[in-house]
Amino acid sequence: MKTFLFIDGTNLYSAQYELFGPNKYLIFPKFIKKVEKKINIKFDEIYFYASYSPQSKNPTTKEKHYLKNEALFYRSVKQIKNLFFFTGYRSKTSGKEKEVDVKLAVDIVDLAHQNKYDEVFLISGDADFMEALKVSQRIGKYTSVICIENKIMTNRI
């Protein structure tokens, strides 16, 4: 049985920053090991989707701390060997993240159609991914969502 983990990385980073603040960050390999132990599963592949925060021309001390923390967190993420890291981008006009959520949702559905996995886990607090998970279920895949306590989605599959 192949088990894949998809991660809304920007959502996870935001959640961990709210919990830990600028002086601490989630050590990603330890986090994954704890998740695997808790649910008694070893992920065959991990897909992580994020975009880096833009830096303003004259960043404040708070922004500098945030960006440094973000860089350390993403460096920690990239230590995982079986990880695919998709980097989206930020709109130059609005600063909003682009391509990340759509790419994550499309990959969940596409890989389900290709029969690449039997079970999928998603780490996100964003309910926008529910339709992709429902499609995966209709194809016959087991689906589960893992939420960080301060970023819990309100919809159910």
N, C-alpha and C. Protein backbone atom coordinates (compact mmCIF):
# COMPACT_ATOMS: atom_id res chain seq x y z
N MET A 1 0.85 -1.18 0.00
CA MET A 1 0.00 0.00 0.00
C MET A 1 0.89 1.24 0.00
N LYS A 2 0.73 2.08 -1.00
CA LYS A 2 1.51 3.32 -1.11
C LYS A 2 0.77 4.47 -0.44
N THR A 3 1.50 5.19 0.41
CA THR A 3 0.91 6.31 1.15
C THR A 3 1.69 7.58 0.85
N PHE A 4 0.96 8.59 0.38
CA PHE A 4 1.56 9.89 0.07
C PHE A 4 1.07 10.93 1.06
N LEU A 5 1.94 11.87 1.33
CA LEU A 5 1.61 13.01 2.18
C LEU A 5 1.73 14.29 1.36
N PHE A 6 0.68 15.08 1.34
CA PHE A 6 0.68 16.39 0.69
C PHE A 6 0.62 17.45 1.78
N ILE A 7 1.43 18.49 1.61
CA ILE A 7 1.50 19.52 2.64
C ILE A 7 1.33 20.89 2.03
N ASP A 8 0.35 21.61 2.55
CA ASP A 8 0.19 23.03 2.24
C ASP A 8 1.24 23.74 3.09
N GLY A 9 2.42 23.90 2.52
CA GLY A 9 3.57 24.40 3.27
C GLY A 9 3.42 25.80 3.81
N THR A 10 2.80 26.66 3.04
CA THR A 10 2.60 28.03 3.50
C THR A 10 1.66 28.04 4.70
N ASN A 11 0.63 27.23 4.65
CA ASN A 11 -0.31 27.11 5.77
C ASN A 11 0.38 26.53 7.00
N LEU A 12 1.20 25.49 6.80
CA LEU A 12 1.93 24.89 7.91
C LEU A 12 2.91 25.88 8.51
N TYR A 13 3.63 26.61 7.65
CA TYR A 13 4.58 27.60 8.18
C TYR A 13 3.85 28.66 9.00
N SER A 14 2.76 29.16 8.48
CA SER A 14 1.98 30.18 9.19
C SER A 14 1.51 29.66 10.55
N ALA A 15 1.03 28.43 10.59
CA ALA A 15 0.55 27.83 11.84
C ALA A 15 1.68 27.70 12.85
N GLN A 16 2.82 27.22 12.39
CA GLN A 16 3.93 27.04 13.33
C GLN A 16 4.48 28.38 13.79
N TYR A 17 4.45 29.39 12.94
CA TYR A 17 4.93 30.72 13.34
C TYR A 17 4.00 31.32 14.40
N GLU A 18 2.70 31.13 14.22
CA GLU A 18 1.74 31.61 15.23
C GLU A 18 1.95 30.90 16.56
N LEU A 19 2.30 29.63 16.52
CA LEU A 19 2.50 28.87 17.76
C LEU A 19 3.84 29.18 18.43
N PHE A 20 4.91 29.29 17.65
CA PHE A 20 6.26 29.40 18.21
C PHE A 20 6.85 30.80 18.19
N GLY A 21 6.36 31.67 17.30
CA GLY A 21 6.93 33.00 17.20
C GLY A 21 8.21 33.01 16.38
N PRO A 22 8.92 34.15 16.37
CA PRO A 22 10.06 34.33 15.48
C PRO A 22 11.36 33.65 15.94
N ASN A 23 11.42 33.19 17.17
CA ASN A 23 12.69 32.66 17.68
C ASN A 23 12.79 31.14 17.68
N LYS A 24 11.77 30.48 17.17
CA LYS A 24 11.75 29.03 17.13
C LYS A 24 10.99 28.60 15.88
N TYR A 25 11.39 27.48 15.32
CA TYR A 25 10.65 26.96 14.16
C TYR A 25 10.55 25.44 14.26
N LEU A 26 9.60 24.91 13.55
CA LEU A 26 9.35 23.48 13.53
C LEU A 26 10.50 22.77 12.82
N ILE A 27 11.12 21.81 13.48
CA ILE A 27 12.15 21.00 12.85
C ILE A 27 11.41 19.93 12.04
N PHE A 28 11.37 20.14 10.75
CA PHE A 28 10.49 19.36 9.88
C PHE A 28 10.74 17.85 9.91
N PRO A 29 12.00 17.38 9.82
CA PRO A 29 12.20 15.92 9.86
C PRO A 29 11.66 15.29 11.16
N LYS A 30 11.84 15.97 12.28
CA LYS A 30 11.30 15.45 13.55
C LYS A 30 9.78 15.46 13.53
N PHE A 31 9.20 16.51 12.97
CA PHE A 31 7.75 16.61 12.86
C PHE A 31 7.19 15.44 12.05
N ILE A 32 7.80 15.15 10.91
CA ILE A 32 7.33 14.06 10.05
C ILE A 32 7.45 12.72 10.79
N LYS A 33 8.56 12.50 11.48
CA LYS A 33 8.73 11.26 12.24
C LYS A 33 7.65 11.11 13.32
N LYS A 34 7.32 12.22 13.98
CA LYS A 34 6.28 12.17 15.02
C LYS A 34 4.91 11.87 14.41
N VAL A 35 4.63 12.47 13.26
CA VAL A 35 3.36 12.21 12.58
C VAL A 35 3.29 10.74 12.17
N GLU A 36 4.37 10.23 11.56
CA GLU A 36 4.40 8.83 11.13
C GLU A 36 4.21 7.89 12.32
N LYS A 37 4.86 8.19 13.42
CA LYS A 37 4.73 7.35 14.61
C LYS A 37 3.31 7.40 15.17
N LYS A 38 2.74 8.60 15.22
CA LYS A 38 1.40 8.77 15.79
C LYS A 38 0.34 8.00 14.99
N ILE A 39 0.46 8.02 13.67
CA ILE A 39 -0.55 7.35 12.84
C ILE A 39 -0.10 5.97 12.35
N ASN A 40 1.11 5.57 12.77
CA ASN A 40 1.66 4.26 12.45
C ASN A 40 1.74 4.00 10.95
N ILE A 41 2.30 4.99 10.24
CA ILE A 41 2.46 4.90 8.78
C ILE A 41 3.80 5.51 8.41
N LYS A 42 4.45 4.93 7.40
CA LYS A 42 5.65 5.51 6.82
C LYS A 42 5.25 6.06 5.46
N PHE A 43 5.46 7.36 5.24
CA PHE A 43 5.07 7.97 3.97
C PHE A 43 6.06 7.55 2.88
N ASP A 44 5.52 7.09 1.77
CA ASP A 44 6.36 6.70 0.64
C ASP A 44 6.88 7.92 -0.10
N GLU A 45 6.04 8.93 -0.22
CA GLU A 45 6.44 10.18 -0.87
C GLU A 45 5.78 11.33 -0.15
N ILE A 46 6.49 12.47 -0.12
CA ILE A 46 5.97 13.68 0.52
C ILE A 46 6.04 14.81 -0.49
N TYR A 47 4.92 15.51 -0.64
CA TYR A 47 4.80 16.63 -1.57
C TYR A 47 4.53 17.89 -0.75
N PHE A 48 5.40 18.87 -0.88
CA PHE A 48 5.34 20.09 -0.08
C PHE A 48 5.19 21.28 -1.04
N TYR A 49 4.21 22.13 -0.78
CA TYR A 49 3.88 23.24 -1.68
C TYR A 49 3.93 24.55 -0.89
N ALA A 50 4.71 25.51 -1.39
CA ALA A 50 4.84 26.78 -0.67
C ALA A 50 5.35 27.86 -1.60
N SER A 51 5.31 29.07 -1.10
CA SER A 51 5.96 30.19 -1.78
C SER A 51 6.65 31.02 -0.70
N TYR A 52 7.79 31.57 -1.07
CA TYR A 52 8.54 32.39 -0.12
C TYR A 52 7.89 33.77 0.01
N SER A 53 7.90 34.29 1.21
CA SER A 53 7.35 35.62 1.45
C SER A 53 8.23 36.67 0.79
N PRO A 54 7.63 37.68 0.19
CA PRO A 54 8.44 38.74 -0.42
C PRO A 54 9.05 39.63 0.66
N GLN A 55 10.19 40.21 0.34
CA GLN A 55 10.84 41.14 1.27
C GLN A 55 10.62 42.55 0.76
N SER A 56 10.19 43.42 1.64
CA SER A 56 9.99 44.82 1.25
C SER A 56 11.34 45.51 1.09
N LYS A 57 11.34 46.68 0.47
CA LYS A 57 12.59 47.41 0.23
C LYS A 57 13.27 47.83 1.53
N ASN A 58 12.48 48.21 2.51
CA ASN A 58 13.01 48.60 3.81
C ASN A 58 12.35 47.75 4.90
N PRO A 59 12.81 46.49 5.04
CA PRO A 59 12.13 45.60 5.98
C PRO A 59 12.32 46.03 7.44
N THR A 60 11.26 45.87 8.20
CA THR A 60 11.32 46.15 9.63
C THR A 60 12.06 45.00 10.32
N THR A 61 12.41 45.21 11.56
CA THR A 61 13.06 44.15 12.33
C THR A 61 12.15 42.93 12.42
N LYS A 62 10.86 43.17 12.62
CA LYS A 62 9.88 42.08 12.70
C LYS A 62 9.85 41.28 11.39
N GLU A 63 9.86 41.99 10.26
CA GLU A 63 9.85 41.31 8.96
C GLU A 63 11.13 40.52 8.76
N LYS A 64 12.26 41.08 9.15
CA LYS A 64 13.54 40.37 9.02
C LYS A 64 13.53 39.07 9.83
N HIS A 65 13.00 39.14 11.05
CA HIS A 65 12.89 37.94 11.89
C HIS A 65 11.99 36.90 11.23
N TYR A 66 10.87 37.37 10.68
CA TYR A 66 9.92 36.47 10.02
C TYR A 66 10.59 35.77 8.83
N LEU A 67 11.27 36.54 7.99
CA LEU A 67 11.90 35.98 6.80
C LEU A 67 13.03 35.02 7.16
N LYS A 68 13.79 35.35 8.20
CA LYS A 68 14.87 34.45 8.64
C LYS A 68 14.27 33.14 9.15
N ASN A 69 13.23 33.25 9.95
CA ASN A 69 12.55 32.08 10.49
C ASN A 69 12.00 31.22 9.36
N GLU A 70 11.38 31.88 8.37
CA GLU A 70 10.82 31.16 7.22
C GLU A 70 11.92 30.42 6.46
N ALA A 71 13.04 31.08 6.23
CA ALA A 71 14.15 30.45 5.51
C ALA A 71 14.68 29.22 6.27
N LEU A 72 14.81 29.34 7.59
CA LEU A 72 15.27 28.21 8.40
C LEU A 72 14.28 27.05 8.36
N PHE A 73 12.99 27.38 8.42
CA PHE A 73 11.96 26.35 8.35
C PHE A 73 12.02 25.62 7.00
N TYR A 74 12.07 26.36 5.89
CA TYR A 74 12.10 25.72 4.58
C TYR A 74 13.39 24.93 4.36
N ARG A 75 14.49 25.39 4.92
CA ARG A 75 15.74 24.62 4.84
C ARG A 75 15.56 23.28 5.57
N SER A 76 14.89 23.33 6.71
CA SER A 76 14.60 22.11 7.47
C SER A 76 13.72 21.15 6.65
N VAL A 77 12.74 21.70 5.95
CA VAL A 77 11.85 20.89 5.10
C VAL A 77 12.65 20.15 4.05
N LYS A 78 13.60 20.82 3.44
CA LYS A 78 14.36 20.24 2.33
C LYS A 78 15.33 19.14 2.77
N GLN A 79 15.43 18.89 4.07
CA GLN A 79 16.29 17.81 4.56
C GLN A 79 15.67 16.43 4.35
N ILE A 80 14.38 16.38 4.09
CA ILE A 80 13.68 15.11 3.88
C ILE A 80 14.06 14.56 2.50
N LYS A 81 14.44 13.29 2.45
CA LYS A 81 14.93 12.70 1.21
C LYS A 81 13.83 12.43 0.17
N ASN A 82 12.70 11.91 0.57
CA ASN A 82 11.65 11.54 -0.39
C ASN A 82 10.63 12.67 -0.55
N LEU A 83 11.13 13.91 -0.62
CA LEU A 83 10.26 15.08 -0.65
C LEU A 83 10.35 15.81 -1.98
N PHE A 84 9.19 16.15 -2.52
CA PHE A 84 9.09 17.00 -3.70
C PHE A 84 8.67 18.37 -3.18
N PHE A 85 9.46 19.40 -3.46
CA PHE A 85 9.19 20.76 -2.98
C PHE A 85 8.78 21.62 -4.17
N PHE A 86 7.50 21.99 -4.21
CA PHE A 86 7.01 22.87 -5.27
C PHE A 86 7.01 24.30 -4.74
N THR A 87 7.67 25.18 -5.48
CA THR A 87 7.73 26.59 -5.09
C THR A 87 6.86 27.41 -6.03
N GLY A 88 5.81 27.99 -5.48
CA GLY A 88 4.98 28.92 -6.24
C GLY A 88 5.62 30.30 -6.21
N TYR A 89 4.82 31.30 -6.43
CA TYR A 89 5.36 32.66 -6.40
C TYR A 89 4.33 33.59 -5.77
N ARG A 90 4.74 34.81 -5.52
CA ARG A 90 3.84 35.82 -4.96
C ARG A 90 3.56 36.87 -6.03
N SER A 91 2.31 37.30 -6.09
CA SER A 91 1.91 38.35 -7.02
C SER A 91 2.68 39.63 -6.69
N LYS A 92 3.22 40.27 -7.71
CA LYS A 92 3.96 41.52 -7.48
C LYS A 92 3.04 42.66 -7.04
N THR A 93 1.79 42.58 -7.43
CA THR A 93 0.86 43.66 -7.06
C THR A 93 0.19 43.43 -5.71
N SER A 94 -0.25 42.20 -5.45
CA SER A 94 -0.99 41.95 -4.20
C SER A 94 -0.16 41.24 -3.13
N GLY A 95 0.92 40.59 -3.53
CA GLY A 95 1.72 39.82 -2.58
C GLY A 95 1.12 38.46 -2.26
N LYS A 96 -0.03 38.15 -2.89
CA LYS A 96 -0.71 36.88 -2.60
C LYS A 96 -0.01 35.72 -3.30
N GLU A 97 -0.09 34.58 -2.67
CA GLU A 97 0.49 33.36 -3.20
C GLU A 97 -0.23 32.93 -4.47
N LYS A 98 0.54 32.47 -5.46
CA LYS A 98 -0.02 32.03 -6.73
C LYS A 98 0.49 30.63 -7.07
N GLU A 99 -0.36 29.85 -7.70
CA GLU A 99 -0.09 28.50 -8.23
C GLU A 99 -0.03 27.40 -7.17
N VAL A 100 0.20 27.73 -5.93
CA VAL A 100 0.47 26.72 -4.92
C VAL A 100 -0.75 25.83 -4.64
N ASP A 101 -1.88 26.42 -4.28
CA ASP A 101 -3.06 25.63 -3.93
C ASP A 101 -3.59 24.83 -5.12
N VAL A 102 -3.59 25.45 -6.28
CA VAL A 102 -4.08 24.75 -7.48
C VAL A 102 -3.17 23.58 -7.81
N LYS A 103 -1.87 23.78 -7.76
CA LYS A 103 -0.92 22.71 -8.05
C LYS A 103 -1.09 21.55 -7.06
N LEU A 104 -1.25 21.86 -5.78
CA LEU A 104 -1.44 20.81 -4.78
C LEU A 104 -2.72 20.02 -5.07
N ALA A 105 -3.81 20.70 -5.31
CA ALA A 105 -5.09 20.03 -5.58
C ALA A 105 -5.02 19.19 -6.85
N VAL A 106 -4.44 19.74 -7.91
CA VAL A 106 -4.32 19.01 -9.17
C VAL A 106 -3.45 17.77 -8.99
N ASP A 107 -2.36 17.88 -8.24
CA ASP A 107 -1.49 16.73 -8.02
C ASP A 107 -2.20 15.62 -7.23
N ILE A 108 -2.99 15.99 -6.23
CA ILE A 108 -3.76 14.97 -5.49
C ILE A 108 -4.65 14.18 -6.45
N VAL A 109 -5.37 14.90 -7.30
CA VAL A 109 -6.30 14.25 -8.24
C VAL A 109 -5.54 13.50 -9.33
N ASP A 110 -4.53 14.13 -9.90
CA ASP A 110 -3.77 13.51 -10.99
C ASP A 110 -3.09 12.22 -10.54
N LEU A 111 -2.44 12.25 -9.40
CA LEU A 111 -1.75 11.05 -8.92
C LEU A 111 -2.73 9.96 -8.50
N ALA A 112 -3.92 10.35 -8.05
CA ALA A 112 -4.97 9.36 -7.76
C ALA A 112 -5.42 8.69 -9.05
N HIS A 113 -5.65 9.49 -10.10
CA HIS A 113 -6.06 8.93 -11.41
C HIS A 113 -4.99 8.02 -11.99
N GLN A 114 -3.73 8.35 -11.76
CA GLN A 114 -2.63 7.52 -12.25
C GLN A 114 -2.39 6.29 -11.37
N ASN A 115 -3.17 6.17 -10.30
CA ASN A 115 -3.05 5.07 -9.35
C ASN A 115 -1.66 4.99 -8.71
N LYS A 116 -1.09 6.14 -8.43
CA LYS A 116 0.25 6.21 -7.83
C LYS A 116 0.22 5.97 -6.33
N TYR A 117 -0.91 6.24 -5.69
CA TYR A 117 -1.02 6.01 -4.25
C TYR A 117 -2.33 5.31 -3.93
N ASP A 118 -2.35 4.68 -2.74
CA ASP A 118 -3.56 4.04 -2.23
C ASP A 118 -4.20 4.88 -1.14
N GLU A 119 -3.35 5.60 -0.42
CA GLU A 119 -3.82 6.41 0.70
C GLU A 119 -3.12 7.76 0.65
N VAL A 120 -3.89 8.81 0.92
CA VAL A 120 -3.32 10.16 0.89
C VAL A 120 -3.65 10.87 2.20
N PHE A 121 -2.65 11.55 2.71
CA PHE A 121 -2.81 12.43 3.86
C PHE A 121 -2.52 13.85 3.40
N LEU A 122 -3.26 14.79 3.95
CA LEU A 122 -3.05 16.20 3.65
C LEU A 122 -2.86 16.95 4.96
N ILE A 123 -1.78 17.73 5.03
CA ILE A 123 -1.60 18.64 6.15
C ILE A 123 -1.95 20.03 5.66
N SER A 124 -3.06 20.53 6.16
CA SER A 124 -3.53 21.87 5.82
C SER A 124 -4.72 22.22 6.70
N GLY A 125 -4.92 23.48 6.87
CA GLY A 125 -6.12 23.95 7.55
C GLY A 125 -7.06 24.62 6.57
N ASP A 126 -6.76 24.49 5.29
CA ASP A 126 -7.50 25.17 4.22
C ASP A 126 -8.57 24.24 3.64
N ALA A 127 -9.82 24.61 3.80
CA ALA A 127 -10.93 23.78 3.32
C ALA A 127 -11.04 23.76 1.79
N ASP A 128 -10.28 24.60 1.10
CA ASP A 128 -10.33 24.63 -0.37
C ASP A 128 -9.90 23.30 -1.01
N PHE A 129 -9.19 22.47 -0.27
CA PHE A 129 -8.71 21.20 -0.83
C PHE A 129 -9.72 20.07 -0.71
N MET A 130 -10.85 20.33 -0.10
CA MET A 130 -11.83 19.27 0.14
C MET A 130 -12.31 18.61 -1.14
N GLU A 131 -12.54 19.39 -2.18
CA GLU A 131 -13.03 18.80 -3.44
C GLU A 131 -12.00 17.84 -4.05
N ALA A 132 -10.73 18.20 -3.99
CA ALA A 132 -9.68 17.31 -4.50
C ALA A 132 -9.67 16.01 -3.71
N LEU A 133 -9.84 16.10 -2.40
CA LEU A 133 -9.87 14.90 -1.57
C LEU A 133 -11.11 14.05 -1.86
N LYS A 134 -12.23 14.71 -2.12
CA LYS A 134 -13.46 13.98 -2.46
C LYS A 134 -13.28 13.21 -3.78
N VAL A 135 -12.63 13.84 -4.75
CA VAL A 135 -12.36 13.15 -6.03
C VAL A 135 -11.47 11.94 -5.77
N SER A 136 -10.45 12.12 -4.96
CA SER A 136 -9.55 11.01 -4.61
C SER A 136 -10.33 9.87 -3.96
N GLN A 137 -11.26 10.21 -3.09
CA GLN A 137 -12.11 9.18 -2.46
C GLN A 137 -12.97 8.45 -3.48
N ARG A 138 -13.56 9.20 -4.41
CA ARG A 138 -14.41 8.58 -5.43
C ARG A 138 -13.63 7.60 -6.30
N ILE A 139 -12.34 7.87 -6.45
CA ILE A 139 -11.48 6.98 -7.23
C ILE A 139 -11.13 5.73 -6.41
N GLY A 140 -11.45 5.76 -5.13
CA GLY A 140 -11.20 4.59 -4.28
C GLY A 140 -10.02 4.73 -3.35
N LYS A 141 -9.52 5.93 -3.18
CA LYS A 141 -8.37 6.16 -2.31
C LYS A 141 -8.82 6.52 -0.91
N TYR A 142 -8.05 6.09 0.06
CA TYR A 142 -8.29 6.49 1.44
C TYR A 142 -7.74 7.89 1.63
N THR A 143 -8.49 8.76 2.27
CA THR A 143 -8.04 10.14 2.45
C THR A 143 -8.16 10.54 3.92
N SER A 144 -7.17 11.29 4.38
CA SER A 144 -7.16 11.80 5.75
C SER A 144 -6.56 13.20 5.75
N VAL A 145 -7.02 14.01 6.69
CA VAL A 145 -6.52 15.37 6.83
C VAL A 145 -5.91 15.52 8.22
N ILE A 146 -4.75 16.15 8.26
CA ILE A 146 -4.07 16.46 9.52
C ILE A 146 -4.03 17.97 9.63
N CYS A 147 -4.56 18.49 10.72
CA CYS A 147 -4.57 19.95 10.94
C CYS A 147 -3.75 20.30 12.16
N ILE A 148 -3.07 21.43 12.08
CA ILE A 148 -2.41 22.00 13.25
C ILE A 148 -3.50 22.68 14.06
N GLU A 149 -3.42 22.61 15.38
CA GLU A 149 -4.55 23.03 16.22
C GLU A 149 -5.02 24.46 15.99
N ASN A 150 -4.15 25.35 15.57
CA ASN A 150 -4.59 26.74 15.35
C ASN A 150 -4.99 27.00 13.90
N LYS A 151 -5.04 25.98 13.06
CA LYS A 151 -5.42 26.12 11.65
C LYS A 151 -6.34 24.97 11.23
N ILE A 152 -7.43 24.81 11.93
CA ILE A 152 -8.32 23.68 11.67
C ILE A 152 -9.40 24.08 10.66
N MET A 153 -9.55 23.26 9.61
CA MET A 153 -10.61 23.52 8.63
C MET A 153 -11.95 23.11 9.22
N THR A 154 -12.99 23.75 8.76
CA THR A 154 -14.31 23.50 9.34
C THR A 154 -15.15 22.53 8.52
N ASN A 155 -14.81 22.30 7.27
CA ASN A 155 -15.58 21.36 6.44
C ASN A 155 -15.13 19.94 6.72
N ARG A 156 -15.97 18.99 6.39
CA ARG A 156 -15.63 17.58 6.54
C ARG A 156 -15.75 16.89 5.19
N ILE A 157 -14.96 15.85 5.03
CA ILE A 157 -15.01 15.08 3.79
C ILE A 157 -16.28 14.25 3.79
